[in-house]
Amino acid sequence: MSAAGTGEHEADAQARRDGIGWFRGIATGLAIVVVGLLVSVGGTNELLTNVSGMSRDSLAYLATGLFLVVVIVAAWVLRRLQSRGII
């Protein structure tokens, strides 16, 4: 292997160890929390205020199911972003 090839691998390994930094980490964390709350709580609230003709129990099940779907999708999206080094 050439010396240049080894240096590139070492630089890539160092970049992975360095991570994203404190400022970017905090900003990303806050953005994720805010967007997650707005989508999960706001989306559920919007759905429930516009749905009519359902019993209270049906609305509770619908809201719970929607909330869980949002949390699962958010976890999957965050994992994909993390694997690509974006967050």
PDB file of N, CA and C in Angstrom:
ATOM      1  N   MET A   1       0.844  -1.173   0.000  1.00  0.00           N
ATOM      2  CA  MET A   1       0.000   0.000   0.000  1.00  0.00           C
ATOM      3  C   MET A   1       0.888   1.235   0.000  1.00  0.00           C
ATOM      4  N   SER A   2       0.474   2.278  -0.684  1.00  0.00           N
ATOM      5  CA  SER A   2       1.288   3.482  -0.758  1.00  0.00           C
ATOM      6  C   SER A   2       1.135   4.318   0.497  1.00  0.00           C
ATOM      7  N   ALA A   3       2.087   5.215   0.712  1.00  0.00           N
ATOM      8  CA  ALA A   3       2.042   6.085   1.886  1.00  0.00           C
ATOM      9  C   ALA A   3       0.839   7.017   1.831  1.00  0.00           C
ATOM     10  N   ALA A   4       0.457   7.466   0.635  1.00  0.00           N
ATOM     11  CA  ALA A   4      -0.692   8.366   0.507  1.00  0.00           C
ATOM     12  C   ALA A   4      -1.987   7.645   0.896  1.00  0.00           C
ATOM     13  N   GLY A   5      -2.114   6.396   0.503  1.00  0.00           N
ATOM     14  CA  GLY A   5      -3.308   5.623   0.849  1.00  0.00           C
ATOM     15  C   GLY A   5      -3.447   5.429   2.345  1.00  0.00           C
ATOM     16  N   THR A   6      -2.332   5.188   3.022  1.00  0.00           N
ATOM     17  CA  THR A   6      -2.359   5.010   4.472  1.00  0.00           C
ATOM     18  C   THR A   6      -2.759   6.308   5.160  1.00  0.00           C
ATOM     19  N   GLY A   7      -2.241   7.426   4.682  1.00  0.00           N
ATOM     20  CA  GLY A   7      -2.560   8.720   5.272  1.00  0.00           C
ATOM     21  C   GLY A   7      -4.035   9.067   5.144  1.00  0.00           C
ATOM     22  N   GLU A   8      -4.640   8.694   4.007  1.00  0.00           N
ATOM     23  CA  GLU A   8      -6.064   8.954   3.811  1.00  0.00           C
ATOM     24  C   GLU A   8      -6.898   8.131   4.778  1.00  0.00           C
ATOM     25  N   HIS A   9      -6.523   6.893   5.003  1.00  0.00           N
ATOM     26  CA  HIS A   9      -7.261   6.053   5.945  1.00  0.00           C
ATOM     27  C   HIS A   9      -7.131   6.586   7.365  1.00  0.00           C
ATOM     28  N   GLU A  10      -5.959   7.049   7.722  1.00  0.00           N
ATOM     29  CA  GLU A  10      -5.755   7.612   9.055  1.00  0.00           C
ATOM     30  C   GLU A  10      -6.568   8.883   9.236  1.00  0.00           C
ATOM     31  N   ALA A  11      -6.644   9.708   8.199  1.00  0.00           N
ATOM     32  CA  ALA A  11      -7.429  10.944   8.270  1.00  0.00           C
ATOM     33  C   ALA A  11      -8.916  10.624   8.431  1.00  0.00           C
ATOM     34  N   ASP A  12      -9.401   9.605   7.712  1.00  0.00           N
ATOM     35  CA  ASP A  12     -10.795   9.206   7.846  1.00  0.00           C
ATOM     36  C   ASP A  12     -11.086   8.682   9.248  1.00  0.00           C
ATOM     37  N   ALA A  13     -10.186   7.887   9.787  1.00  0.00           N
ATOM     38  CA  ALA A  13     -10.364   7.348  11.133  1.00  0.00           C
ATOM     39  C   ALA A  13     -10.357   8.471  12.162  1.00  0.00           C
ATOM     40  N   GLN A  14      -9.478   9.455  11.997  1.00  0.00           N
ATOM     41  CA  GLN A  14      -9.429  10.589  12.925  1.00  0.00           C
ATOM     42  C   GLN A  14     -10.716  11.404  12.847  1.00  0.00           C
ATOM     43  N   ALA A  15     -11.244  11.596  11.651  1.00  0.00           N
ATOM     44  CA  ALA A  15     -12.486  12.361  11.485  1.00  0.00           C
ATOM     45  C   ALA A  15     -13.641  11.651  12.180  1.00  0.00           C
ATOM     46  N   ARG A  16     -13.698  10.328  12.121  1.00  0.00           N
ATOM     47  CA  ARG A  16     -14.759   9.588  12.811  1.00  0.00           C
ATOM     48  C   ARG A  16     -14.619   9.699  14.312  1.00  0.00           C
ATOM     49  N   ARG A  17     -13.393   9.721  14.821  1.00  0.00           N
ATOM     50  CA  ARG A  17     -13.181   9.838  16.267  1.00  0.00           C
ATOM     51  C   ARG A  17     -13.524  11.230  16.762  1.00  0.00           C
ATOM     52  N   ASP A  18     -13.286  12.245  15.948  1.00  0.00           N
ATOM     53  CA  ASP A  18     -13.540  13.622  16.365  1.00  0.00           C
ATOM     54  C   ASP A  18     -15.025  13.900  16.541  1.00  0.00           C
ATOM     55  N   GLY A  19     -15.879  13.272  15.792  1.00  0.00           N
ATOM     56  CA  GLY A  19     -17.307  13.481  15.923  1.00  0.00           C
ATOM     57  C   GLY A  19     -17.741  14.794  15.302  1.00  0.00           C
ATOM     58  N   ILE A  20     -18.895  15.304  15.753  1.00  0.00           N
ATOM     59  CA  ILE A  20     -19.459  16.490  15.135  1.00  0.00           C
ATOM     60  C   ILE A  20     -19.220  17.753  15.939  1.00  0.00           C
ATOM     61  N   GLY A  21     -18.710  17.679  17.130  1.00  0.00           N
ATOM     62  CA  GLY A  21     -18.445  18.864  17.931  1.00  0.00           C
ATOM     63  C   GLY A  21     -19.614  19.215  18.848  1.00  0.00           C
ATOM     64  N   TRP A  22     -19.307  19.971  19.887  1.00  0.00           N
ATOM     65  CA  TRP A  22     -20.302  20.315  20.895  1.00  0.00           C
ATOM     66  C   TRP A  22     -21.421  21.193  20.351  1.00  0.00           C
ATOM     67  N   PHE A  23     -21.067  22.273  19.666  1.00  0.00           N
ATOM     68  CA  PHE A  23     -22.091  23.200  19.186  1.00  0.00           C
ATOM     69  C   PHE A  23     -23.060  22.519  18.232  1.00  0.00           C
ATOM     70  N   ARG A  24     -22.507  21.809  17.260  1.00  0.00           N
ATOM     71  CA  ARG A  24     -23.371  21.125  16.297  1.00  0.00           C
ATOM     72  C   ARG A  24     -24.194  20.037  16.987  1.00  0.00           C
ATOM     73  N   GLY A  25     -23.600  19.350  17.955  1.00  0.00           N
ATOM     74  CA  GLY A  25     -24.328  18.313  18.678  1.00  0.00           C
ATOM     75  C   GLY A  25     -25.509  18.864  19.459  1.00  0.00           C
ATOM     76  N   ILE A  26     -25.294  19.986  20.149  1.00  0.00           N
ATOM     77  CA  ILE A  26     -26.371  20.604  20.931  1.00  0.00           C
ATOM     78  C   ILE A  26     -27.446  21.162  20.004  1.00  0.00           C
ATOM     79  N   ALA A  27     -27.039  21.849  18.941  1.00  0.00           N
ATOM     80  CA  ALA A  27     -28.002  22.408  17.993  1.00  0.00           C
ATOM     81  C   ALA A  27     -28.828  21.306  17.330  1.00  0.00           C
ATOM     82  N   THR A  28     -28.170  20.219  16.945  1.00  0.00           N
ATOM     83  CA  THR A  28     -28.877  19.106  16.327  1.00  0.00           C
ATOM     84  C   THR A  28     -29.843  18.458  17.308  1.00  0.00           C
ATOM     85  N   GLY A  29     -29.405  18.279  18.543  1.00  0.00           N
ATOM     86  CA  GLY A  29     -30.270  17.693  19.567  1.00  0.00           C
ATOM     87  C   GLY A  29     -31.512  18.528  19.824  1.00  0.00           C
ATOM     88  N   LEU A  30     -31.328  19.839  19.939  1.00  0.00           N
ATOM     89  CA  LEU A  30     -32.477  20.720  20.154  1.00  0.00           C
ATOM     90  C   LEU A  30     -33.433  20.689  18.967  1.00  0.00           C
ATOM     91  N   ALA A  31     -32.888  20.710  17.764  1.00  0.00           N
ATOM     92  CA  ALA A  31     -33.740  20.659  16.575  1.00  0.00           C
ATOM     93  C   ALA A  31     -34.537  19.359  16.522  1.00  0.00           C
ATOM     94  N   ILE A  32     -33.899  18.260  16.861  1.00  0.00           N
ATOM     95  CA  ILE A  32     -34.583  16.965  16.842  1.00  0.00           C
ATOM     96  C   ILE A  32     -35.705  16.932  17.873  1.00  0.00           C
ATOM     97  N   VAL A  33     -35.450  17.441  19.069  1.00  0.00           N
ATOM     98  CA  VAL A  33     -36.471  17.449  20.119  1.00  0.00           C
ATOM     99  C   VAL A  33     -37.647  18.335  19.719  1.00  0.00           C
ATOM    100  N   VAL A  34     -37.363  19.526  19.211  1.00  0.00           N
ATOM    101  CA  VAL A  34     -38.437  20.449  18.832  1.00  0.00           C
ATOM    102  C   VAL A  34     -39.280  19.874  17.693  1.00  0.00           C
ATOM    103  N   VAL A  35     -38.631  19.384  16.656  1.00  0.00           N
ATOM    104  CA  VAL A  35     -39.371  18.818  15.528  1.00  0.00           C
ATOM    105  C   VAL A  35     -40.153  17.587  15.975  1.00  0.00           C
ATOM    106  N   GLY A  36     -39.543  16.742  16.796  1.00  0.00           N
ATOM    107  CA  GLY A  36     -40.231  15.550  17.281  1.00  0.00           C
ATOM    108  C   GLY A  36     -41.471  15.882  18.085  1.00  0.00           C
ATOM    109  N   LEU A  37     -41.376  16.868  18.967  1.00  0.00           N
ATOM    110  CA  LEU A  37     -42.540  17.266  19.758  1.00  0.00           C
ATOM    111  C   LEU A  37     -43.626  17.879  18.880  1.00  0.00           C
ATOM    112  N   LEU A  38     -43.230  18.746  17.967  1.00  0.00           N
ATOM    113  CA  LEU A  38     -44.223  19.376  17.098  1.00  0.00           C
ATOM    114  C   LEU A  38     -44.959  18.355  16.241  1.00  0.00           C
ATOM    115  N   VAL A  39     -44.227  17.410  15.695  1.00  0.00           N
ATOM    116  CA  VAL A  39     -44.856  16.413  14.831  1.00  0.00           C
ATOM    117  C   VAL A  39     -45.710  15.446  15.639  1.00  0.00           C
ATOM    118  N   SER A  40     -45.157  14.929  16.744  1.00  0.00           N
ATOM    119  CA  SER A  40     -45.904  13.913  17.492  1.00  0.00           C
ATOM    120  C   SER A  40     -47.108  14.498  18.222  1.00  0.00           C
ATOM    121  N   VAL A  41     -46.915  15.569  18.942  1.00  0.00           N
ATOM    122  CA  VAL A  41     -48.023  16.156  19.708  1.00  0.00           C
ATOM    123  C   VAL A  41     -48.912  16.993  18.797  1.00  0.00           C
ATOM    124  N   GLY A  42     -48.307  17.844  17.976  1.00  0.00           N
ATOM    125  CA  GLY A  42     -49.096  18.693  17.093  1.00  0.00           C
ATOM    126  C   GLY A  42     -49.873  17.906  16.059  1.00  0.00           C
ATOM    127  N   GLY A  43     -49.229  16.895  15.468  1.00  0.00           N
ATOM    128  CA  GLY A  43     -49.922  16.070  14.476  1.00  0.00           C
ATOM    129  C   GLY A  43     -51.075  15.302  15.076  1.00  0.00           C
ATOM    130  N   THR A  44     -50.871  14.749  16.238  1.00  0.00           N
ATOM    131  CA  THR A  44     -51.939  14.014  16.919  1.00  0.00           C
ATOM    132  C   THR A  44     -53.083  14.949  17.276  1.00  0.00           C
ATOM    133  N   ASN A  45     -52.763  16.130  17.796  1.00  0.00           N
ATOM    134  CA  ASN A  45     -53.791  17.103  18.154  1.00  0.00           C
ATOM    135  C   ASN A  45     -54.580  17.546  16.917  1.00  0.00           C
ATOM    136  N   GLU A  46     -53.877  17.818  15.831  1.00  0.00           N
ATOM    137  CA  GLU A  46     -54.546  18.244  14.590  1.00  0.00           C
ATOM    138  C   GLU A  46     -55.483  17.149  14.088  1.00  0.00           C
ATOM    139  N   LEU A  47     -55.038  15.918  14.137  1.00  0.00           N
ATOM    140  CA  LEU A  47     -55.878  14.810  13.699  1.00  0.00           C
ATOM    141  C   LEU A  47     -57.123  14.696  14.566  1.00  0.00           C
ATOM    142  N   LEU A  48     -56.949  14.763  15.867  1.00  0.00           N
ATOM    143  CA  LEU A  48     -58.076  14.571  16.768  1.00  0.00           C
ATOM    144  C   LEU A  48     -59.087  15.707  16.699  1.00  0.00           C
ATOM    145  N   THR A  49     -58.630  16.923  16.432  1.00  0.00           N
ATOM    146  CA  THR A  49     -59.576  18.040  16.355  1.00  0.00           C
ATOM    147  C   THR A  49     -60.358  18.034  15.051  1.00  0.00           C
ATOM    148  N   ASN A  50     -59.860  17.348  14.021  1.00  0.00           N
ATOM    149  CA  ASN A  50     -60.559  17.320  12.734  1.00  0.00           C
ATOM    150  C   ASN A  50     -61.337  16.039  12.486  1.00  0.00           C
ATOM    151  N   VAL A  51     -61.206  15.059  13.344  1.00  0.00           N
ATOM    152  CA  VAL A  51     -61.932  13.796  13.181  1.00  0.00           C
ATOM    153  C   VAL A  51     -63.220  13.889  13.981  1.00  0.00           C
ATOM    154  N   SER A  52     -64.322  13.568  13.336  1.00  0.00           N
ATOM    155  CA  SER A  52     -65.603  13.578  14.052  1.00  0.00           C
ATOM    156  C   SER A  52     -66.303  12.247  13.821  1.00  0.00           C
ATOM    157  N   GLY A  53     -67.249  11.969  14.664  1.00  0.00           N
ATOM    158  CA  GLY A  53     -68.028  10.750  14.507  1.00  0.00           C
ATOM    159  C   GLY A  53     -67.392   9.514  15.116  1.00  0.00           C
ATOM    160  N   MET A  54     -66.349   9.687  15.895  1.00  0.00           N
ATOM    161  CA  MET A  54     -65.717   8.536  16.548  1.00  0.00           C
ATOM    162  C   MET A  54     -65.929   8.643  18.050  1.00  0.00           C
ATOM    163  N   SER A  55     -65.979   7.485  18.692  1.00  0.00           N
ATOM    164  CA  SER A  55     -66.129   7.488  20.144  1.00  0.00           C
ATOM    165  C   SER A  55     -64.829   7.946  20.804  1.00  0.00           C
ATOM    166  N   ARG A  56     -64.935   8.263  22.075  1.00  0.00           N
ATOM    167  CA  ARG A  56     -63.759   8.725  22.815  1.00  0.00           C
ATOM    168  C   ARG A  56     -62.667   7.653  22.845  1.00  0.00           C
ATOM    169  N   ASP A  57     -63.055   6.404  23.040  1.00  0.00           N
ATOM    170  CA  ASP A  57     -62.073   5.312  23.071  1.00  0.00           C
ATOM    171  C   ASP A  57     -61.381   5.149  21.722  1.00  0.00           C
ATOM    172  N   SER A  58     -62.156   5.237  20.643  1.00  0.00           N
ATOM    173  CA  SER A  58     -61.572   5.114  19.308  1.00  0.00           C
ATOM    174  C   SER A  58     -60.569   6.235  19.057  1.00  0.00           C
ATOM    175  N   LEU A  59     -60.898   7.454  19.472  1.00  0.00           N
ATOM    176  CA  LEU A  59     -59.979   8.576  19.309  1.00  0.00           C
ATOM    177  C   LEU A  59     -58.705   8.379  20.127  1.00  0.00           C
ATOM    178  N   ALA A  60     -58.853   7.825  21.331  1.00  0.00           N
ATOM    179  CA  ALA A  60     -57.680   7.569  22.172  1.00  0.00           C
ATOM    180  C   ALA A  60     -56.772   6.527  21.522  1.00  0.00           C
ATOM    181  N   TYR A  61     -57.363   5.467  20.969  1.00  0.00           N
ATOM    182  CA  TYR A  61     -56.565   4.441  20.289  1.00  0.00           C
ATOM    183  C   TYR A  61     -55.892   5.012  19.052  1.00  0.00           C
ATOM    184  N   LEU A  62     -56.610   5.825  18.309  1.00  0.00           N
ATOM    185  CA  LEU A  62     -56.054   6.453  17.115  1.00  0.00           C
ATOM    186  C   LEU A  62     -54.886   7.374  17.468  1.00  0.00           C
ATOM    187  N   ALA A  63     -55.046   8.181  18.500  1.00  0.00           N
ATOM    188  CA  ALA A  63     -53.983   9.096  18.920  1.00  0.00           C
ATOM    189  C   ALA A  63     -52.763   8.322  19.407  1.00  0.00           C
ATOM    190  N   THR A  64     -52.983   7.279  20.174  1.00  0.00           N
ATOM    191  CA  THR A  64     -51.876   6.465  20.676  1.00  0.00           C
ATOM    192  C   THR A  64     -51.133   5.789  19.531  1.00  0.00           C
ATOM    193  N   GLY A  65     -51.874   5.231  18.594  1.00  0.00           N
ATOM    194  CA  GLY A  65     -51.248   4.587  17.446  1.00  0.00           C
ATOM    195  C   GLY A  65     -50.447   5.559  16.606  1.00  0.00           C
ATOM    196  N   LEU A  66     -51.006   6.745  16.352  1.00  0.00           N
ATOM    197  CA  LEU A  66     -50.295   7.756  15.571  1.00  0.00           C
ATOM    198  C   LEU A  66     -49.020   8.200  16.285  1.00  0.00           C
ATOM    199  N   PHE A  67     -49.122   8.412  17.581  1.00  0.00           N
ATOM    200  CA  PHE A  67     -47.952   8.821  18.362  1.00  0.00           C
ATOM    201  C   PHE A  67     -46.850   7.765  18.270  1.00  0.00           C
ATOM    202  N   LEU A  68     -47.207   6.493  18.428  1.00  0.00           N
ATOM    203  CA  LEU A  68     -46.217   5.424  18.349  1.00  0.00           C
ATOM    204  C   LEU A  68     -45.597   5.317  16.959  1.00  0.00           C
ATOM    205  N   VAL A  69     -46.395   5.497  15.926  1.00  0.00           N
ATOM    206  CA  VAL A  69     -45.859   5.467  14.554  1.00  0.00           C
ATOM    207  C   VAL A  69     -44.860   6.597  14.365  1.00  0.00           C
ATOM    208  N   VAL A  70     -45.189   7.788  14.849  1.00  0.00           N
ATOM    209  CA  VAL A  70     -44.279   8.928  14.711  1.00  0.00           C
ATOM    210  C   VAL A  70     -42.974   8.657  15.449  1.00  0.00           C
ATOM    211  N   VAL A  71     -43.038   8.100  16.640  1.00  0.00           N
ATOM    212  CA  VAL A  71     -41.834   7.811  17.421  1.00  0.00           C
ATOM    213  C   VAL A  71     -40.978   6.757  16.712  1.00  0.00           C
ATOM    214  N   ILE A  72     -41.590   5.722  16.186  1.00  0.00           N
ATOM    215  CA  ILE A  72     -40.851   4.662  15.490  1.00  0.00           C
ATOM    216  C   ILE A  72     -40.207   5.202  14.214  1.00  0.00           C
ATOM    217  N   VAL A  73     -40.947   5.985  13.448  1.00  0.00           N
ATOM    218  CA  VAL A  73     -40.387   6.570  12.221  1.00  0.00           C
ATOM    219  C   VAL A  73     -39.247   7.523  12.565  1.00  0.00           C
ATOM    220  N   ALA A  74     -39.411   8.325  13.606  1.00  0.00           N
ATOM    221  CA  ALA A  74     -38.351   9.249  14.019  1.00  0.00           C
ATOM    222  C   ALA A  74     -37.096   8.482  14.434  1.00  0.00           C
ATOM    223  N   ALA A  75     -37.254   7.391  15.168  1.00  0.00           N
ATOM    224  CA  ALA A  75     -36.102   6.593  15.574  1.00  0.00           C
ATOM    225  C   ALA A  75     -35.385   6.013  14.352  1.00  0.00           C
ATOM    226  N   TRP A  76     -36.142   5.536  13.379  1.00  0.00           N
ATOM    227  CA  TRP A  76     -35.545   4.983  12.168  1.00  0.00           C
ATOM    228  C   TRP A  76     -34.803   6.065  11.388  1.00  0.00           C
ATOM    229  N   VAL A  77     -35.437   7.233  11.223  1.00  0.00           N
ATOM    230  CA  VAL A  77     -34.800   8.330  10.480  1.00  0.00           C
ATOM    231  C   VAL A  77     -33.524   8.780  11.194  1.00  0.00           C
ATOM    232  N   LEU A  78     -33.579   8.921  12.510  1.00  0.00           N
ATOM    233  CA  LEU A  78     -32.396   9.337  13.261  1.00  0.00           C
ATOM    234  C   LEU A  78     -31.271   8.323  13.126  1.00  0.00           C
ATOM    235  N   ARG A  79     -31.601   7.062  13.132  1.00  0.00           N
ATOM    236  CA  ARG A  79     -30.569   6.024  12.981  1.00  0.00           C
ATOM    237  C   ARG A  79     -29.929   6.092  11.603  1.00  0.00           C
ATOM    238  N   ARG A  80     -30.739   6.329  10.565  1.00  0.00           N
ATOM    239  CA  ARG A  80     -30.201   6.462   9.212  1.00  0.00           C
ATOM    240  C   ARG A  80     -29.293   7.686   9.108  1.00  0.00           C
ATOM    241  N   LEU A  81     -29.697   8.807   9.702  1.00  0.00           N
ATOM    242  CA  LEU A  81     -28.872  10.016   9.677  1.00  0.00           C
ATOM    243  C   LEU A  81     -27.563   9.790  10.432  1.00  0.00           C
ATOM    244  N   GLN A  82     -27.645   9.068  11.533  1.00  0.00           N
ATOM    245  CA  GLN A  82     -26.460   8.795  12.327  1.00  0.00           C
ATOM    246  C   GLN A  82     -25.495   7.884  11.560  1.00  0.00           C
ATOM    247  N   SER A  83     -26.019   6.895  10.882  1.00  0.00           N
ATOM    248  CA  SER A  83     -25.146   5.976  10.132  1.00  0.00           C
ATOM    249  C   SER A  83     -24.442   6.672   8.973  1.00  0.00           C
ATOM    250  N   ARG A  84     -25.045   7.738   8.463  1.00  0.00           N
ATOM    251  CA  ARG A  84     -24.421   8.492   7.377  1.00  0.00           C
ATOM    252  C   ARG A  84     -23.527   9.611   7.890  1.00  0.00           C
ATOM    253  N   GLY A  85     -23.443   9.786   9.204  1.00  0.00           N
ATOM    254  CA  GLY A  85     -22.557  10.793   9.784  1.00  0.00           C
ATOM    255  C   GLY A  85     -23.103  12.201   9.731  1.00  0.00           C
ATOM    256  N   ILE A  86     -24.390  12.342   9.458  1.00  0.00           N
ATOM    257  CA  ILE A  86     -25.000  13.677   9.382  1.00  0.00           C
ATOM    258  C   ILE A  86     -25.228  14.231  10.775  1.00  0.00           C
ATOM    259  N   ILE A  87     -25.614  13.357  11.695  1.00  0.00           N
ATOM    260  CA  ILE A  87     -25.788  13.780  13.090  1.00  0.00           C
ATOM    261  C   ILE A  87     -24.916  12.947  13.982  1.00  0.00           C
TER     262      ILE A  87
END
